[in-house]
mmCIF file of all heavy atoms, coordinates in Angstrom:
data_MODEL
# 
_entry.id   MODEL 
# 
loop_
_atom_site.group_PDB 
_atom_site.id 
_atom_site.type_symbol 
_atom_site.label_atom_id 
_atom_site.label_alt_id 
_atom_site.label_comp_id 
_atom_site.label_asym_id 
_atom_site.label_entity_id 
_atom_site.label_seq_id 
_atom_site.pdbx_PDB_ins_code 
_atom_site.Cartn_x 
_atom_site.Cartn_y 
_atom_site.Cartn_z 
_atom_site.occupancy 
_atom_site.B_iso_or_equiv 
_atom_site.pdbx_formal_charge 
_atom_site.auth_seq_id 
_atom_site.auth_comp_id 
_atom_site.auth_asym_id 
_atom_site.auth_atom_id 
_atom_site.pdbx_PDB_model_num 
ATOM 1   N N   . PRO A 1 1  ? 0.808  -1.219 0.000   1.00 0.00 ? 1  PRO A N   1 
ATOM 2   C CA  . PRO A 1 1  ? 0.000  0.000  0.000   1.00 0.00 ? 1  PRO A CA  1 
ATOM 3   C C   . PRO A 1 1  ? 0.852  1.286  0.000   1.00 0.00 ? 1  PRO A C   1 
ATOM 4   O O   . PRO A 1 1  ? 0.485  2.263  -0.640  1.00 0.00 ? 1  PRO A O   1 
ATOM 5   C CB  . PRO A 1 1  ? -0.825 -0.116 1.291   1.00 0.00 ? 1  PRO A CB  1 
ATOM 6   C CG  . PRO A 1 1  ? -0.920 -1.584 1.538   1.00 0.00 ? 1  PRO A CG  1 
ATOM 7   C CD  . PRO A 1 1  ? 0.407  -2.138 1.080   1.00 0.00 ? 1  PRO A CD  1 
ATOM 8   N N   . LEU A 1 2  ? 1.992  1.256  0.703   1.00 0.00 ? 2  LEU A N   1 
ATOM 9   C CA  . LEU A 1 2  ? 2.857  2.434  0.726   1.00 0.00 ? 2  LEU A CA  1 
ATOM 10  C C   . LEU A 1 2  ? 3.435  2.726  -0.656  1.00 0.00 ? 2  LEU A C   1 
ATOM 11  O O   . LEU A 1 2  ? 3.448  3.876  -1.104  1.00 0.00 ? 2  LEU A O   1 
ATOM 12  C CB  . LEU A 1 2  ? 3.984  2.252  1.745   1.00 0.00 ? 2  LEU A CB  1 
ATOM 13  C CG  . LEU A 1 2  ? 4.984  3.404  1.826   1.00 0.00 ? 2  LEU A CG  1 
ATOM 14  C CD1 . LEU A 1 2  ? 4.290  4.719  2.181   1.00 0.00 ? 2  LEU A CD1 1 
ATOM 15  C CD2 . LEU A 1 2  ? 6.075  3.068  2.830   1.00 0.00 ? 2  LEU A CD2 1 
ATOM 16  N N   . LEU A 1 3  ? 3.889  1.688  -1.358  1.00 0.00 ? 3  LEU A N   1 
ATOM 17  C CA  . LEU A 1 3  ? 4.403  1.899  -2.715  1.00 0.00 ? 3  LEU A CA  1 
ATOM 18  C C   . LEU A 1 3  ? 3.301  2.376  -3.650  1.00 0.00 ? 3  LEU A C   1 
ATOM 19  O O   . LEU A 1 3  ? 3.522  3.262  -4.482  1.00 0.00 ? 3  LEU A O   1 
ATOM 20  C CB  . LEU A 1 3  ? 5.043  0.610  -3.248  1.00 0.00 ? 3  LEU A CB  1 
ATOM 21  C CG  . LEU A 1 3  ? 6.384  0.244  -2.642  1.00 0.00 ? 3  LEU A CG  1 
ATOM 22  C CD1 . LEU A 1 3  ? 6.846  -1.109 -3.171  1.00 0.00 ? 3  LEU A CD1 1 
ATOM 23  C CD2 . LEU A 1 3  ? 7.424  1.316  -2.909  1.00 0.00 ? 3  LEU A CD2 1 
ATOM 24  N N   . ARG A 1 4  ? 2.102  1.795  -3.507  1.00 0.00 ? 4  ARG A N   1 
ATOM 25  C CA  . ARG A 1 4  ? 0.971  2.239  -4.340  1.00 0.00 ? 4  ARG A CA  1 
ATOM 26  C C   . ARG A 1 4  ? 0.677  3.718  -4.098  1.00 0.00 ? 4  ARG A C   1 
ATOM 27  O O   . ARG A 1 4  ? 0.541  4.502  -5.037  1.00 0.00 ? 4  ARG A O   1 
ATOM 28  C CB  . ARG A 1 4  ? -0.273 1.403  -4.026  1.00 0.00 ? 4  ARG A CB  1 
ATOM 29  C CG  . ARG A 1 4  ? -1.502 1.832  -4.831  1.00 0.00 ? 4  ARG A CG  1 
ATOM 30  C CD  . ARG A 1 4  ? -2.792 1.394  -4.192  1.00 0.00 ? 4  ARG A CD  1 
ATOM 31  N NE  . ARG A 1 4  ? -2.886 1.915  -2.837  1.00 0.00 ? 4  ARG A NE  1 
ATOM 32  C CZ  . ARG A 1 4  ? -3.476 1.259  -1.835  1.00 0.00 ? 4  ARG A CZ  1 
ATOM 33  N NH1 . ARG A 1 4  ? -3.999 0.070  -2.033  1.00 0.00 ? 4  ARG A NH1 1 
ATOM 34  N NH2 . ARG A 1 4  ? -3.535 1.804  -0.639  1.00 0.00 ? 4  ARG A NH2 1 
ATOM 35  N N   . ASP A 1 5  ? 0.601  4.110  -2.827  1.00 0.00 ? 5  ASP A N   1 
ATOM 36  C CA  . ASP A 1 5  ? 0.298  5.500  -2.502  1.00 0.00 ? 5  ASP A CA  1 
ATOM 37  C C   . ASP A 1 5  ? 1.408  6.437  -2.968  1.00 0.00 ? 5  ASP A C   1 
ATOM 38  O O   . ASP A 1 5  ? 1.135  7.540  -3.457  1.00 0.00 ? 5  ASP A O   1 
ATOM 39  C CB  . ASP A 1 5  ? 0.055  5.666  -1.003  1.00 0.00 ? 5  ASP A CB  1 
ATOM 40  C CG  . ASP A 1 5  ? -1.220 4.959  -0.533  1.00 0.00 ? 5  ASP A CG  1 
ATOM 41  O OD1 . ASP A 1 5  ? -2.032 4.530  -1.391  1.00 0.00 ? 5  ASP A OD1 1 
ATOM 42  O OD2 . ASP A 1 5  ? -1.386 4.822  0.697   1.00 0.00 ? 5  ASP A OD2 1 
ATOM 43  N N   . THR A 1 6  ? 2.650  6.002  -2.835  1.00 0.00 ? 6  THR A N   1 
ATOM 44  C CA  . THR A 1 6  ? 3.772  6.823  -3.293  1.00 0.00 ? 6  THR A CA  1 
ATOM 45  C C   . THR A 1 6  ? 3.706  6.998  -4.804  1.00 0.00 ? 6  THR A C   1 
ATOM 46  O O   . THR A 1 6  ? 3.895  8.109  -5.315  1.00 0.00 ? 6  THR A O   1 
ATOM 47  C CB  . THR A 1 6  ? 5.110  6.185  -2.864  1.00 0.00 ? 6  THR A CB  1 
ATOM 48  O OG1 . THR A 1 6  ? 5.108  6.018  -1.441  1.00 0.00 ? 6  THR A OG1 1 
ATOM 49  C CG2 . THR A 1 6  ? 6.287  7.057  -3.271  1.00 0.00 ? 6  THR A CG2 1 
ATOM 50  N N   . ALA A 1 7  ? 3.421  5.931  -5.525  1.00 0.00 ? 7  ALA A N   1 
ATOM 51  C CA  . ALA A 1 7  ? 3.284  6.029  -6.979  1.00 0.00 ? 7  ALA A CA  1 
ATOM 52  C C   . ALA A 1 7  ? 2.117  6.937  -7.354  1.00 0.00 ? 7  ALA A C   1 
ATOM 53  O O   . ALA A 1 7  ? 2.207  7.706  -8.316  1.00 0.00 ? 7  ALA A O   1 
ATOM 54  C CB  . ALA A 1 7  ? 3.111  4.638  -7.583  1.00 0.00 ? 7  ALA A CB  1 
ATOM 55  N N   . ARG A 1 8  ? 1.033  6.891  -6.593  1.00 0.00 ? 8  ARG A N   1 
ATOM 56  C CA  . ARG A 1 8  ? -0.108 7.786  -6.860  1.00 0.00 ? 8  ARG A CA  1 
ATOM 57  C C   . ARG A 1 8  ? 0.290  9.248  -6.685  1.00 0.00 ? 8  ARG A C   1 
ATOM 58  O O   . ARG A 1 8  ? -0.103 10.105 -7.480  1.00 0.00 ? 8  ARG A O   1 
ATOM 59  C CB  . ARG A 1 8  ? -1.278 7.443  -5.937  1.00 0.00 ? 8  ARG A CB  1 
ATOM 60  C CG  . ARG A 1 8  ? -2.003 6.186  -6.326  1.00 0.00 ? 8  ARG A CG  1 
ATOM 61  C CD  . ARG A 1 8  ? -3.119 5.859  -5.360  1.00 0.00 ? 8  ARG A CD  1 
ATOM 62  N NE  . ARG A 1 8  ? -3.863 4.693  -5.824  1.00 0.00 ? 8  ARG A NE  1 
ATOM 63  C CZ  . ARG A 1 8  ? -4.734 4.038  -5.087  1.00 0.00 ? 8  ARG A CZ  1 
ATOM 64  N NH1 . ARG A 1 8  ? -4.990 4.422  -3.846  1.00 0.00 ? 8  ARG A NH1 1 
ATOM 65  N NH2 . ARG A 1 8  ? -5.366 2.990  -5.583  1.00 0.00 ? 8  ARG A NH2 1 
ATOM 66  N N   . VAL A 1 9  ? 1.071  9.522  -5.652  1.00 0.00 ? 9  VAL A N   1 
ATOM 67  C CA  . VAL A 1 9  ? 1.536  10.900 -5.434  1.00 0.00 ? 9  VAL A CA  1 
ATOM 68  C C   . VAL A 1 9  ? 2.401  11.348 -6.610  1.00 0.00 ? 9  VAL A C   1 
ATOM 69  O O   . VAL A 1 9  ? 2.198  12.423 -7.177  1.00 0.00 ? 9  VAL A O   1 
ATOM 70  C CB  . VAL A 1 9  ? 2.299  11.014 -4.091  1.00 0.00 ? 9  VAL A CB  1 
ATOM 71  C CG1 . VAL A 1 9  ? 3.059  12.334 -3.994  1.00 0.00 ? 9  VAL A CG1 1 
ATOM 72  C CG2 . VAL A 1 9  ? 1.337  10.856 -2.917  1.00 0.00 ? 9  VAL A CG2 1 
ATOM 73  N N   . VAL A 1 10 ? 3.358  10.517 -6.987  1.00 0.00 ? 10 VAL A N   1 
ATOM 74  C CA  . VAL A 1 10 ? 4.258  10.860 -8.095  1.00 0.00 ? 10 VAL A CA  1 
ATOM 75  C C   . VAL A 1 10 ? 3.464  11.044 -9.386  1.00 0.00 ? 10 VAL A C   1 
ATOM 76  O O   . VAL A 1 10 ? 3.666  12.017 -10.125 1.00 0.00 ? 10 VAL A O   1 
ATOM 77  C CB  . VAL A 1 10 ? 5.348  9.776  -8.247  1.00 0.00 ? 10 VAL A CB  1 
ATOM 78  C CG1 . VAL A 1 10 ? 6.096  9.920  -9.568  1.00 0.00 ? 10 VAL A CG1 1 
ATOM 79  C CG2 . VAL A 1 10 ? 6.314  9.837  -7.072  1.00 0.00 ? 10 VAL A CG2 1 
ATOM 80  N N   . GLU A 1 11 ? 2.548  10.132 -9.661  1.00 0.00 ? 11 GLU A N   1 
ATOM 81  C CA  . GLU A 1 11 ? 1.759  10.221 -10.899 1.00 0.00 ? 11 GLU A CA  1 
ATOM 82  C C   . GLU A 1 11 ? 0.882  11.471 -10.914 1.00 0.00 ? 11 GLU A C   1 
ATOM 83  O O   . GLU A 1 11 ? 0.771  12.152 -11.933 1.00 0.00 ? 11 GLU A O   1 
ATOM 84  C CB  . GLU A 1 11 ? 0.885  8.971  -11.060 1.00 0.00 ? 11 GLU A CB  1 
ATOM 85  C CG  . GLU A 1 11 ? 1.686  7.712  -11.213 1.00 0.00 ? 11 GLU A CG  1 
ATOM 86  C CD  . GLU A 1 11 ? 1.604  7.104  -12.593 1.00 0.00 ? 11 GLU A CD  1 
ATOM 87  O OE1 . GLU A 1 11 ? 0.696  7.444  -13.362 1.00 0.00 ? 11 GLU A OE1 1 
ATOM 88  O OE2 . GLU A 1 11 ? 2.474  6.268  -12.883 1.00 0.00 ? 11 GLU A OE2 1 
ATOM 89  N N   . THR A 1 12 ? 0.273  11.789 -9.789  1.00 0.00 ? 12 THR A N   1 
ATOM 90  C CA  . THR A 1 12 ? -0.607 12.956 -9.716  1.00 0.00 ? 12 THR A CA  1 
ATOM 91  C C   . THR A 1 12 ? 0.174  14.254 -9.890  1.00 0.00 ? 12 THR A C   1 
ATOM 92  O O   . THR A 1 12 ? -0.254 15.144 -10.625 1.00 0.00 ? 12 THR A O   1 
ATOM 93  C CB  . THR A 1 12 ? -1.362 12.969 -8.365  1.00 0.00 ? 12 THR A CB  1 
ATOM 94  O OG1 . THR A 1 12 ? -2.169 11.789 -8.286  1.00 0.00 ? 12 THR A OG1 1 
ATOM 95  C CG2 . THR A 1 12 ? -2.239 14.197 -8.235  1.00 0.00 ? 12 THR A CG2 1 
ATOM 96  N N   . LEU A 1 13 ? 1.303  14.363 -9.219  1.00 0.00 ? 13 LEU A N   1 
ATOM 97  C CA  . LEU A 1 13 ? 2.051  15.621 -9.242  1.00 0.00 ? 13 LEU A CA  1 
ATOM 98  C C   . LEU A 1 13 ? 2.917  15.801 -10.482 1.00 0.00 ? 13 LEU A C   1 
ATOM 99  O O   . LEU A 1 13 ? 3.153  16.934 -10.909 1.00 0.00 ? 13 LEU A O   1 
ATOM 100 C CB  . LEU A 1 13 ? 2.920  15.741 -7.989  1.00 0.00 ? 13 LEU A CB  1 
ATOM 101 C CG  . LEU A 1 13 ? 2.157  15.803 -6.668  1.00 0.00 ? 13 LEU A CG  1 
ATOM 102 C CD1 . LEU A 1 13 ? 3.132  15.896 -5.502  1.00 0.00 ? 13 LEU A CD1 1 
ATOM 103 C CD2 . LEU A 1 13 ? 1.190  16.985 -6.653  1.00 0.00 ? 13 LEU A CD2 1 
ATOM 104 N N   . CYS A 1 14 ? 3.394  14.711 -11.063 1.00 0.00 ? 14 CYS A N   1 
ATOM 105 C CA  . CYS A 1 14 ? 4.355  14.822 -12.170 1.00 0.00 ? 14 CYS A CA  1 
ATOM 106 C C   . CYS A 1 14 ? 3.783  14.453 -13.535 1.00 0.00 ? 14 CYS A C   1 
ATOM 107 O O   . CYS A 1 14 ? 4.357  14.813 -14.559 1.00 0.00 ? 14 CYS A O   1 
ATOM 108 C CB  . CYS A 1 14 ? 5.578  13.946 -11.887 1.00 0.00 ? 14 CYS A CB  1 
ATOM 109 S SG  . CYS A 1 14 ? 6.439  14.392 -10.375 1.00 0.00 ? 14 CYS A SG  1 
ATOM 110 N N   . ARG A 1 15 ? 2.699  13.712 -13.562 1.00 0.00 ? 15 ARG A N   1 
ATOM 111 C CA  . ARG A 1 15 ? 2.082  13.259 -14.811 1.00 0.00 ? 15 ARG A CA  1 
ATOM 112 C C   . ARG A 1 15 ? 3.096  12.640 -15.776 1.00 0.00 ? 15 ARG A C   1 
ATOM 113 O O   . ARG A 1 15 ? 3.200  13.017 -16.940 1.00 0.00 ? 15 ARG A O   1 
ATOM 114 C CB  . ARG A 1 15 ? 1.348  14.405 -15.511 1.00 0.00 ? 15 ARG A CB  1 
ATOM 115 C CG  . ARG A 1 15 ? 0.250  15.024 -14.705 1.00 0.00 ? 15 ARG A CG  1 
ATOM 116 C CD  . ARG A 1 15 ? -0.915 14.106 -14.626 1.00 0.00 ? 15 ARG A CD  1 
ATOM 117 N NE  . ARG A 1 15 ? -2.010 14.720 -13.871 1.00 0.00 ? 15 ARG A NE  1 
ATOM 118 C CZ  . ARG A 1 15 ? -2.897 14.036 -13.233 1.00 0.00 ? 15 ARG A CZ  1 
ATOM 119 N NH1 . ARG A 1 15 ? -2.839 12.733 -13.231 1.00 0.00 ? 15 ARG A NH1 1 
ATOM 120 N NH2 . ARG A 1 15 ? -3.854 14.621 -12.579 1.00 0.00 ? 15 ARG A NH2 1 
ATOM 121 N N   . PRO A 1 16 ? 3.873  11.649 -15.296 1.00 0.00 ? 16 PRO A N   1 
ATOM 122 C CA  . PRO A 1 16 ? 4.900  11.046 -16.157 1.00 0.00 ? 16 PRO A CA  1 
ATOM 123 C C   . PRO A 1 16 ? 4.309  10.048 -17.145 1.00 0.00 ? 16 PRO A C   1 
ATOM 124 O O   . PRO A 1 16 ? 3.197  9.553  -16.956 1.00 0.00 ? 16 PRO A O   1 
ATOM 125 C CB  . PRO A 1 16 ? 5.785  10.317 -15.148 1.00 0.00 ? 16 PRO A CB  1 
ATOM 126 C CG  . PRO A 1 16 ? 4.825  9.905  -14.078 1.00 0.00 ? 16 PRO A CG  1 
ATOM 127 C CD  . PRO A 1 16 ? 3.841  11.054 -13.973 1.00 0.00 ? 16 PRO A CD  1 
ATOM 128 N N   . GLU A 1 17 ? 5.076  9.764  -18.183 1.00 0.00 ? 17 GLU A N   1 
ATOM 129 C CA  . GLU A 1 17 ? 4.690  8.698  -19.097 1.00 0.00 ? 17 GLU A CA  1 
ATOM 130 C C   . GLU A 1 17 ? 4.906  7.343  -18.428 1.00 0.00 ? 17 GLU A C   1 
ATOM 131 O O   . GLU A 1 17 ? 4.221  6.375  -18.726 1.00 0.00 ? 17 GLU A O   1 
ATOM 132 C CB  . GLU A 1 17 ? 5.508  8.770  -20.399 1.00 0.00 ? 17 GLU A CB  1 
ATOM 133 C CG  . GLU A 1 17 ? 5.089  9.905  -21.336 1.00 0.00 ? 17 GLU A CG  1 
ATOM 134 C CD  . GLU A 1 17 ? 5.663  11.261 -20.938 1.00 0.00 ? 17 GLU A CD  1 
ATOM 135 O OE1 . GLU A 1 17 ? 6.689  11.322 -20.223 1.00 0.00 ? 17 GLU A OE1 1 
ATOM 136 O OE2 . GLU A 1 17 ? 5.070  12.276 -21.350 1.00 0.00 ? 17 GLU A OE2 1 
ATOM 137 N N   . GLN A 1 18 ? 5.892  7.262  -17.539 1.00 0.00 ? 18 GLN A N   1 
ATOM 138 C CA  . GLN A 1 18 ? 6.230  6.045  -16.805 1.00 0.00 ? 18 GLN A CA  1 
ATOM 139 C C   . GLN A 1 18 ? 6.570  6.419  -15.372 1.00 0.00 ? 18 GLN A C   1 
ATOM 140 O O   . GLN A 1 18 ? 7.098  7.507  -15.124 1.00 0.00 ? 18 GLN A O   1 
ATOM 141 C CB  . GLN A 1 18 ? 7.487  5.387  -17.392 1.00 0.00 ? 18 GLN A CB  1 
ATOM 142 C CG  . GLN A 1 18 ? 7.282  4.671  -18.685 1.00 0.00 ? 18 GLN A CG  1 
ATOM 143 C CD  . GLN A 1 18 ? 6.843  3.231  -18.445 1.00 0.00 ? 18 GLN A CD  1 
ATOM 144 O OE1 . GLN A 1 18 ? 6.964  2.696  -17.355 1.00 0.00 ? 18 GLN A OE1 1 
ATOM 145 N NE2 . GLN A 1 18 ? 6.327  2.616  -19.488 1.00 0.00 ? 18 GLN A NE2 1 
ATOM 146 N N   . THR A 1 19 ? 6.293  5.519  -14.454 1.00 0.00 ? 19 THR A N   1 
ATOM 147 C CA  . THR A 1 19 ? 6.782  5.666  -13.087 1.00 0.00 ? 19 THR A CA  1 
ATOM 148 C C   . THR A 1 19 ? 7.580  4.414  -12.778 1.00 0.00 ? 19 THR A C   1 
ATOM 149 O O   . THR A 1 19 ? 7.031  3.307  -12.778 1.00 0.00 ? 19 THR A O   1 
ATOM 150 C CB  . THR A 1 19 ? 5.628  5.835  -12.086 1.00 0.00 ? 19 THR A CB  1 
ATOM 151 O OG1 . THR A 1 19 ? 4.924  7.036  -12.400 1.00 0.00 ? 19 THR A OG1 1 
ATOM 152 C CG2 . THR A 1 19 ? 6.149  5.941  -10.664 1.00 0.00 ? 19 THR A CG2 1 
ATOM 153 N N   . TYR A 1 20 ? 8.884  4.596  -12.566 1.00 0.00 ? 20 TYR A N   1 
ATOM 154 C CA  . TYR A 1 20 ? 9.753  3.469  -12.230 1.00 0.00 ? 20 TYR A CA  1 
ATOM 155 C C   . TYR A 1 20 ? 9.675  3.219  -10.728 1.00 0.00 ? 20 TYR A C   1 
ATOM 156 O O   . TYR A 1 20 ? 9.677  4.160  -9.940  1.00 0.00 ? 20 TYR A O   1 
ATOM 157 C CB  . TYR A 1 20 ? 11.206 3.769  -12.575 1.00 0.00 ? 20 TYR A CB  1 
ATOM 158 C CG  . TYR A 1 20 ? 11.527 3.914  -14.048 1.00 0.00 ? 20 TYR A CG  1 
ATOM 159 C CD1 . TYR A 1 20 ? 12.779 4.350  -14.440 1.00 0.00 ? 20 TYR A CD1 1 
ATOM 160 C CD2 . TYR A 1 20 ? 10.603 3.625  -15.041 1.00 0.00 ? 20 TYR A CD2 1 
ATOM 161 C CE1 . TYR A 1 20 ? 13.108 4.486  -15.769 1.00 0.00 ? 20 TYR A CE1 1 
ATOM 162 C CE2 . TYR A 1 20 ? 10.926 3.765  -16.370 1.00 0.00 ? 20 TYR A CE2 1 
ATOM 163 C CZ  . TYR A 1 20 ? 12.188 4.194  -16.743 1.00 0.00 ? 20 TYR A CZ  1 
ATOM 164 O OH  . TYR A 1 20 ? 12.509 4.328  -18.064 1.00 0.00 ? 20 TYR A OH  1 
ATOM 165 N N   . VAL A 1 21 ? 9.638  1.961  -10.347 1.00 0.00 ? 21 VAL A N   1 
ATOM 166 C CA  . VAL A 1 21 ? 9.727  1.553  -8.947  1.00 0.00 ? 21 VAL A CA  1 
ATOM 167 C C   . VAL A 1 21 ? 10.868 0.541  -8.895  1.00 0.00 ? 21 VAL A C   1 
ATOM 168 O O   . VAL A 1 21 ? 10.751 -0.556 -9.423  1.00 0.00 ? 21 VAL A O   1 
ATOM 169 C CB  . VAL A 1 21 ? 8.409  0.932  -8.441  1.00 0.00 ? 21 VAL A CB  1 
ATOM 170 C CG1 . VAL A 1 21 ? 8.549  0.493  -6.989  1.00 0.00 ? 21 VAL A CG1 1 
ATOM 171 C CG2 . VAL A 1 21 ? 7.253  1.928  -8.597  1.00 0.00 ? 21 VAL A CG2 1 
ATOM 172 N N   . CYS A 1 22 ? 11.989 0.984  -8.302  1.00 0.00 ? 22 CYS A N   1 
ATOM 173 C CA  . CYS A 1 22 ? 13.219 0.189  -8.344  1.00 0.00 ? 22 CYS A CA  1 
ATOM 174 C C   . CYS A 1 22 ? 13.839 0.073  -6.962  1.00 0.00 ? 22 CYS A C   1 
ATOM 175 O O   . CYS A 1 22 ? 13.925 1.051  -6.232  1.00 0.00 ? 22 CYS A O   1 
ATOM 176 C CB  . CYS A 1 22 ? 14.245 0.847  -9.254  1.00 0.00 ? 22 CYS A CB  1 
ATOM 177 S SG  . CYS A 1 22 ? 13.612 1.242  -10.876 1.00 0.00 ? 22 CYS A SG  1 
ATOM 178 N N   . MET A 1 23 ? 14.321 -1.124 -6.632  1.00 0.00 ? 23 MET A N   1 
ATOM 179 C CA  . MET A 1 23 ? 14.979 -1.347 -5.361  1.00 0.00 ? 23 MET A CA  1 
ATOM 180 C C   . MET A 1 23 ? 16.482 -1.123 -5.517  1.00 0.00 ? 23 MET A C   1 
ATOM 181 O O   . MET A 1 23 ? 17.089 -1.573 -6.480  1.00 0.00 ? 23 MET A O   1 
ATOM 182 C CB  . MET A 1 23 ? 14.738 -2.771 -4.884  1.00 0.00 ? 23 MET A CB  1 
ATOM 183 C CG  . MET A 1 23 ? 15.275 -2.994 -3.493  1.00 0.00 ? 23 MET A CG  1 
ATOM 184 S SD  . MET A 1 23 ? 15.523 -4.721 -3.105  1.00 0.00 ? 23 MET A SD  1 
ATOM 185 C CE  . MET A 1 23 ? 17.073 -5.018 -3.907  1.00 0.00 ? 23 MET A CE  1 
ATOM 186 N N   . TRP A 1 24 ? 17.058 -0.422 -4.545  1.00 0.00 ? 24 TRP A N   1 
ATOM 187 C CA  . TRP A 1 24 ? 18.502 -0.201 -4.489  1.00 0.00 ? 24 TRP A CA  1 
ATOM 188 C C   . TRP A 1 24 ? 18.970 -0.572 -3.092  1.00 0.00 ? 24 TRP A C   1 
ATOM 189 O O   . TRP A 1 24 ? 18.324 -0.243 -2.109  1.00 0.00 ? 24 TRP A O   1 
ATOM 190 C CB  . TRP A 1 24 ? 18.830 1.272  -4.744  1.00 0.00 ? 24 TRP A CB  1 
ATOM 191 C CG  . TRP A 1 24 ? 18.379 1.767  -6.081  1.00 0.00 ? 24 TRP A CG  1 
ATOM 192 C CD1 . TRP A 1 24 ? 17.180 2.347  -6.364  1.00 0.00 ? 24 TRP A CD1 1 
ATOM 193 C CD2 . TRP A 1 24 ? 19.098 1.734  -7.305  1.00 0.00 ? 24 TRP A CD2 1 
ATOM 194 N NE1 . TRP A 1 24 ? 17.109 2.672  -7.687  1.00 0.00 ? 24 TRP A NE1 1 
ATOM 195 C CE2 . TRP A 1 24 ? 18.286 2.309  -8.294  1.00 0.00 ? 24 TRP A CE2 1 
ATOM 196 C CE3 . TRP A 1 24 ? 20.360 1.265  -7.657  1.00 0.00 ? 24 TRP A CE3 1 
ATOM 197 C CZ2 . TRP A 1 24 ? 18.688 2.437  -9.614  1.00 0.00 ? 24 TRP A CZ2 1 
ATOM 198 C CZ3 . TRP A 1 24 ? 20.753 1.399  -8.976  1.00 0.00 ? 24 TRP A CZ3 1 
ATOM 199 C CH2 . TRP A 1 24 ? 19.924 1.968  -9.942  1.00 0.00 ? 24 TRP A CH2 1 
# 
């Protein structure tokens, strides 16, 4: 749920063509 919500924030504010979710 945290990753989903974080991706929603990024998508809403930045309107990207892609949102990468990567582990480092």
